[in-house]
C-alpha atoms as a PDB file:
ATOM      1  CA  MET A   1     -28.032  35.512  30.154  1.00  0.00           C
ATOM      2  CA  LYS A   2     -27.786  33.895  33.537  1.00  0.00           C
ATOM      3  CA  LEU A   3     -26.959  30.191  34.201  1.00  0.00           C
ATOM      4  CA  ASN A   4     -30.607  29.573  36.137  1.00  0.00           C
ATOM      5  CA  GLU A   5     -31.776  30.812  32.635  1.00  0.00           C
ATOM      6  CA  ILE A   6     -29.516  27.935  30.323  1.00  0.00           C
ATOM      7  CA  ARG A   7     -32.358  25.248  28.789  1.00  0.00           C
ATOM      8  CA  ASP A   8     -31.789  22.396  26.050  1.00  0.00           C
ATOM      9  CA  ASN A   9     -33.558  23.735  22.816  1.00  0.00           C
ATOM     10  CA  LYS A  10     -37.231  22.787  22.544  1.00  0.00           C
ATOM     11  CA  GLY A  11     -37.368  18.805  21.478  1.00  0.00           C
ATOM     12  CA  ALA A  12     -33.635  18.178  22.373  1.00  0.00           C
ATOM     13  CA  ARG A  13     -34.708  15.761  25.373  1.00  0.00           C
ATOM     14  CA  LYS A  14     -37.937  13.857  24.975  1.00  0.00           C
ATOM     15  CA  SER A  15     -39.387  12.755  28.731  1.00  0.00           C
ATOM     16  CA  LEU A  16     -40.055   8.949  28.669  1.00  0.00           C
ATOM     17  CA  MET A  17     -43.707   7.460  28.420  1.00  0.00           C
ATOM     18  CA  ARG A  18     -44.652   6.657  31.825  1.00  0.00           C
ATOM     19  CA  VAL A  19     -46.409   3.563  31.475  1.00  0.00           C
ATOM     20  CA  ALA A  20     -49.429   2.439  33.781  1.00  0.00           C
ATOM     21  CA  ARG A  21     -49.946   5.904  35.679  1.00  0.00           C
ATOM     22  CA  GLY A  22     -53.269   6.770  34.564  1.00  0.00           C
ATOM     23  CA  TYR A  23     -55.968   6.937  31.877  1.00  0.00           C
ATOM     24  CA  GLY A  24     -54.763  10.378  30.749  1.00  0.00           C
ATOM     25  CA  SER A  25     -51.441   9.074  29.702  1.00  0.00           C
ATOM     26  CA  GLY A  26     -52.992   6.904  26.922  1.00  0.00           C
ATOM     27  CA  LYS A  27     -51.133   3.989  28.540  1.00  0.00           C
ATOM     28  CA  GLY A  28     -53.103   3.936  31.897  1.00  0.00           C
ATOM     29  CA  ARG A  29     -55.303   1.123  33.069  1.00  0.00           C
ATOM     30  CA  THR A  30     -53.246  -2.274  31.868  1.00  0.00           C
ATOM     31  CA  GLY A  31     -50.213  -0.440  30.603  1.00  0.00           C
ATOM     32  CA  GLY A  32     -50.111  -1.783  27.403  1.00  0.00           C
ATOM     33  CA  ARG A  33     -49.906  -5.456  28.151  1.00  0.00           C
ATOM     34  CA  GLY A  34     -53.390  -6.367  27.366  1.00  0.00           C
ATOM     35  CA  ILE A  35     -55.664  -8.409  29.737  1.00  0.00           C
ATOM     36  CA  LYS A  36     -54.820 -10.917  32.136  1.00  0.00           C
ATOM     37  CA  GLY A  37     -52.447 -13.977  31.319  1.00  0.00           C
ATOM     38  CA  GLN A  38     -48.903 -15.002  32.194  1.00  0.00           C
ATOM     39  CA  LYS A  39     -47.317 -11.992  30.135  1.00  0.00           C
ATOM     40  CA  SER A  40     -49.153  -9.544  31.596  1.00  0.00           C
ATOM     41  CA  ARG A  41     -47.275 -10.415  35.122  1.00  0.00           C
ATOM     42  CA  THR A  42     -44.137  -9.170  36.039  1.00  0.00           C
ATOM     43  CA  GLY A  43     -40.727 -11.150  36.080  1.00  0.00           C
ATOM     44  CA  VAL A  44     -42.096 -13.347  32.990  1.00  0.00           C
ATOM     45  CA  SER A  45     -40.192 -13.798  29.895  1.00  0.00           C
ATOM     46  CA  VAL A  46     -41.118 -16.813  27.498  1.00  0.00           C
ATOM     47  CA  ASN A  47     -38.961 -16.701  24.715  1.00  0.00           C
ATOM     48  CA  ALA A  48     -39.614 -18.685  21.867  1.00  0.00           C
ATOM     49  CA  PHE A  49     -42.778 -19.906  23.387  1.00  0.00           C
ATOM     50  CA  GLU A  50     -45.490 -20.292  20.707  1.00  0.00           C
ATOM     51  CA  GLY A  51     -48.670 -21.385  22.743  1.00  0.00           C
ATOM     52  CA  GLY A  52     -47.941 -24.881  22.667  1.00  0.00           C
ATOM     53  CA  GLN A  53     -47.256 -25.040  19.049  1.00  0.00           C
ATOM     54  CA  MET A  54     -44.077 -26.640  17.987  1.00  0.00           C
ATOM     55  CA  PRO A  55     -41.106 -24.005  18.450  1.00  0.00           C
ATOM     56  CA  VAL A  56     -39.487 -23.043  15.001  1.00  0.00           C
ATOM     57  CA  TYR A  57     -36.400 -23.664  16.634  1.00  0.00           C
ATOM     58  CA  ARG A  58     -37.041 -27.162  17.001  1.00  0.00           C
ATOM     59  CA  ARG A  59     -39.263 -27.781  13.763  1.00  0.00           C
ATOM     60  CA  LEU A  60     -36.248 -26.890  11.834  1.00  0.00           C
ATOM     61  CA  PRO A  61     -33.489 -29.830  11.311  1.00  0.00           C
ATOM     62  CA  LYS A  62     -30.220 -29.305  12.444  1.00  0.00           C
ATOM     63  CA  ARG A  63     -27.424 -28.559  10.210  1.00  0.00           C
ATOM     64  CA  GLY A  64     -23.433 -28.290  10.403  1.00  0.00           C
ATOM     65  CA  PHE A  65     -20.728 -29.263  12.449  1.00  0.00           C
ATOM     66  CA  VAL A  66     -19.089 -27.346  15.303  1.00  0.00           C
ATOM     67  CA  ASN A  67     -15.381 -28.730  15.494  1.00  0.00           C
ATOM     68  CA  ILE A  68     -15.052 -28.391  19.454  1.00  0.00           C
ATOM     69  CA  PHE A  69     -11.223 -28.866  18.737  1.00  0.00           C
ATOM     70  CA  ARG A  70     -10.345 -26.109  16.253  1.00  0.00           C
ATOM     71  CA  LYS A  71      -7.817 -23.589  16.888  1.00  0.00           C
ATOM     72  CA  THR A  72      -8.133 -20.071  17.038  1.00  0.00           C
ATOM     73  CA  PHE A  73      -5.239 -17.741  15.973  1.00  0.00           C
ATOM     74  CA  SER A  74      -4.569 -14.224  16.982  1.00  0.00           C
ATOM     75  CA  GLU A  75      -3.592 -12.725  13.517  1.00  0.00           C
ATOM     76  CA  ILE A  76      -1.122 -10.184  12.740  1.00  0.00           C
ATOM     77  CA  ASN A  77      -0.334  -8.164   9.121  1.00  0.00           C
ATOM     78  CA  LEU A  78       3.037  -7.126   8.045  1.00  0.00           C
ATOM     79  CA  SER A  79       1.791  -3.692   7.536  1.00  0.00           C
ATOM     80  CA  THR A  80       0.660  -3.707  11.470  1.00  0.00           C
ATOM     81  CA  LEU A  81       4.070  -4.603  12.247  1.00  0.00           C
ATOM     82  CA  GLN A  82       5.937  -1.942  10.373  1.00  0.00           C
ATOM     83  CA  LYS A  83       3.471   0.613  11.867  1.00  0.00           C
ATOM     84  CA  ALA A  84       4.419  -0.416  15.275  1.00  0.00           C
ATOM     85  CA  ILE A  85       8.193  -0.685  14.354  1.00  0.00           C
ATOM     86  CA  ASP A  86       8.040   3.089  12.882  1.00  0.00           C
ATOM     87  CA  ALA A  87       6.049   4.291  16.187  1.00  0.00           C
ATOM     88  CA  LYS A  88       9.018   2.529  18.151  1.00  0.00           C
ATOM     89  CA  LEU A  89       6.376   0.147  20.144  1.00  0.00           C
ATOM     90  CA  LEU A  90       8.411  -2.386  18.592  1.00  0.00           C
ATOM     91  CA  LYS A  91      12.353  -3.259  18.150  1.00  0.00           C
ATOM     92  CA  ALA A  92      13.546  -4.505  14.672  1.00  0.00           C
ATOM     93  CA  ASP A  93      16.458  -5.512  16.065  1.00  0.00           C
ATOM     94  CA  LYS A  94      15.445  -7.899  18.786  1.00  0.00           C
ATOM     95  CA  GLU A  95      13.278 -10.946  18.222  1.00  0.00           C
ATOM     96  CA  ILE A  96       9.633 -10.671  17.914  1.00  0.00           C
ATOM     97  CA  ASN A  97       7.329 -13.523  19.781  1.00  0.00           C
ATOM     98  CA  GLU A  98       3.614 -13.417  21.260  1.00  0.00           C
ATOM     99  CA  VAL A  99       4.860 -11.840  24.821  1.00  0.00           C
ATOM    100  CA  VAL A 100       6.530  -8.776  22.900  1.00  0.00           C
ATOM    101  CA  LEU A 101       3.382  -8.489  20.446  1.00  0.00           C
ATOM    102  CA  MET A 102       1.105  -8.198  23.691  1.00  0.00           C
ATOM    103  CA  GLU A 103       2.727  -5.927  25.375  1.00  0.00           C
ATOM    104  CA  ALA A 104       3.323  -3.336  22.570  1.00  0.00           C
ATOM    105  CA  GLY A 105      -0.730  -3.498  22.280  1.00  0.00           C
ATOM    106  CA  LEU A 106      -0.760  -5.439  18.442  1.00  0.00           C
ATOM    107  CA  ILE A 107      -2.744  -8.377  19.771  1.00  0.00           C
ATOM    108  CA  LYS A 108      -5.003  -8.945  22.627  1.00  0.00           C
ATOM    109  CA  LYS A 109      -4.865 -12.537  23.160  1.00  0.00           C
ATOM    110  CA  VAL A 110      -2.475 -15.421  22.514  1.00  0.00           C
ATOM    111  CA  LYS A 111      -5.247 -17.981  21.955  1.00  0.00           C
ATOM    112  CA  ASP A 112      -3.509 -20.865  20.197  1.00  0.00           C
ATOM    113  CA  GLY A 113      -0.910 -18.847  18.512  1.00  0.00           C
ATOM    114  CA  VAL A 114      -0.132 -15.896  16.523  1.00  0.00           C
ATOM    115  CA  ARG A 115      -0.487 -16.357  12.629  1.00  0.00           C
ATOM    116  CA  LEU A 116       1.669 -13.598  10.389  1.00  0.00           C
ATOM    117  CA  LEU A 117      -0.220 -12.648   7.493  1.00  0.00           C
ATOM    118  CA  GLY A 118       1.122 -11.080   4.384  1.00  0.00           C
ATOM    119  CA  ASN A 119      -1.133  -7.828   3.577  1.00  0.00           C
ATOM    120  CA  GLY A 120       0.755  -4.614   3.453  1.00  0.00           C
ATOM    121  CA  GLY A 121       4.766  -3.925   3.191  1.00  0.00           C
ATOM    122  CA  LEU A 122       7.804  -4.559   5.302  1.00  0.00           C
ATOM    123  CA  LYS A 123      10.809  -2.338   5.248  1.00  0.00           C
ATOM    124  CA  SER A 124      12.612  -3.414   8.583  1.00  0.00           C
ATOM    125  CA  LYS A 125      14.469  -6.349   8.840  1.00  0.00           C
ATOM    126  CA  LEU A 126      13.284  -8.464  11.787  1.00  0.00           C
ATOM    127  CA  THR A 127      13.493 -12.026  13.445  1.00  0.00           C
ATOM    128  CA  ILE A 128       9.503 -13.000  14.160  1.00  0.00           C
ATOM    129  CA  LYS A 129       8.328 -16.420  16.094  1.00  0.00           C
ATOM    130  CA  VAL A 130       5.183 -17.142  15.347  1.00  0.00           C
ATOM    131  CA  VAL A 131       2.763 -20.690  15.360  1.00  0.00           C
ATOM    132  CA  GLY A 132       1.834 -19.976  11.779  1.00  0.00           C
ATOM    133  CA  ALA A 133       2.667 -17.580   8.544  1.00  0.00           C
ATOM    134  CA  THR A 134       1.347 -17.590   5.162  1.00  0.00           C
ATOM    135  CA  LYS A 135       3.729 -18.067   2.174  1.00  0.00           C
ATOM    136  CA  SER A 136       3.412 -14.395   1.065  1.00  0.00           C
ATOM    137  CA  ALA A 137       4.416 -12.843   4.895  1.00  0.00           C
ATOM    138  CA  ILE A 138       7.486 -15.654   4.738  1.00  0.00           C
ATOM    139  CA  ALA A 139       8.511 -14.200   1.185  1.00  0.00           C
ATOM    140  CA  ALA A 140       8.403 -10.340   2.303  1.00  0.00           C
ATOM    141  CA  VAL A 141      10.139 -11.106   5.599  1.00  0.00           C
ATOM    142  CA  GLU A 142      13.001 -12.728   3.773  1.00  0.00           C
ATOM    143  CA  LYS A 143      13.092 -10.347   0.861  1.00  0.00           C
ATOM    144  CA  VAL A 144      13.976  -7.580   3.321  1.00  0.00           C
ATOM    145  CA  GLY A 145      16.447  -9.960   5.024  1.00  0.00           C
ATOM    146  CA  GLY A 146      14.612 -10.989   7.907  1.00  0.00           C
ATOM    147  CA  GLN A 147      13.666 -14.314   9.325  1.00  0.00           C
ATOM    148  CA  VAL A 148      10.268 -15.965  10.134  1.00  0.00           C
ATOM    149  CA  VAL A 149      10.649 -18.537  12.962  1.00  0.00           C
ATOM    150  CA  VAL A 150       7.593 -21.051  12.430  1.00  0.00           C
ATOM    151  CA  GLU A 151       6.993 -23.010  15.716  1.00  0.00           C
ATOM    152  CA  PRO A 152       4.366 -25.893  16.692  1.00  0.00           C
ATOM    153  CA  ILE A 153       1.228 -25.254  18.386  1.00  0.00           C
ATOM    154  CA  LYS A 154       1.794 -25.494  22.284  1.00  0.00           C
ATOM    155  CA  LYS A 155       0.342 -28.770  23.387  1.00  0.00           C
ATOM    156  CA  THR A 156      -2.986 -28.575  25.257  1.00  0.00           C
ATOM    157  CA  VAL A 157      -4.186 -30.918  28.132  1.00  0.00           C
ATOM    158  CA  LEU A 158      -6.675 -32.580  25.244  1.00  0.00           C
ATOM    159  CA  GLU A 159      -3.688 -33.477  22.721  1.00  0.00           C
ATOM    160  CA  LYS A 160      -1.329 -34.510  25.396  1.00  0.00           C
ATOM    161  CA  GLY A 161      -3.665 -37.516  25.944  1.00  0.00           C
ATOM    162  CA  LYS A 162      -6.995 -38.213  27.432  1.00  0.00           C
ATOM    163  CA  LYS A 163      -6.124 -37.846  31.499  1.00  0.00           C
ATOM    164  CA  THR A 164      -6.154 -41.102  33.247  1.00  0.00           C
ATOM    165  CA  SER A 165      -8.391 -42.240  36.091  1.00  0.00           C
ATOM    166  CA  LYS A 166      -7.032 -42.436  39.776  1.00  0.00           C
ATOM    167  CA  LYS A 167      -7.782 -46.035  39.777  1.00  0.00           C
ATOM    168  CA  ALA A 168      -5.598 -46.739  36.368  1.00  0.00           C
ATOM    169  CA  SER A 169      -2.839 -44.401  38.071  1.00  0.00           C
ATOM    170  CA  ALA A 170      -2.890 -46.461  41.178  1.00  0.00           C
ATOM    171  CA  LYS A 171      -2.706 -49.642  39.142  1.00  0.00           C
ATOM    172  CA  LYS A 172       0.334 -48.199  37.322  1.00  0.00           C
ATOM    173  CA  THR A 173       2.017 -47.287  40.519  1.00  0.00           C
ATOM    174  CA  THR A 174       1.682 -50.466  42.170  1.00  0.00           C
ATOM    175  CA  LYS A 175       2.959 -52.579  39.136  1.00  0.00           C
ATOM    176  CA  LYS A 176       6.047 -50.526  39.282  1.00  0.00           C
ATOM    177  CA  THR A 177       6.574 -51.103  43.151  1.00  0.00           C
ATOM    178  CA  LYS A 178       6.557 -54.835  42.936  1.00  0.00           C
END
């Protein structure tokens, strides 16, 4: 056997259909696009257009509610913490917070904070600072002699209050100077 004789097994690579390349291909002439019309042309994408009929996404009523102020948390289980301690990604004697968890690669984003969940077991005594924790997680950490510090969510611009307009802030400054 020589290098120039090496081939794939028969049927391992199927060649693509070459559309609109003559009658012999089986997809010649109109290239499988039908005859004339907007959809036979290139660069046209008419998604959800139903020929002038009211589209299904407008026929059906809207349902539910999406809270734009909802908080999303990065969640972490006790078992994940214990595996990280065993793998020496975390040090149990130091305080564990969002920054330490990100550096260890246990969470990707902090989002609105870290929430501790009670799945799995914990052997190491540790102090962890989080935004939220389940009762079972707190109990499991305290059982081995550790501590869970639950601190409030950091205030965002929306929670601090509405931003004042330039006119309103200018009026406040003029009143103070008088």
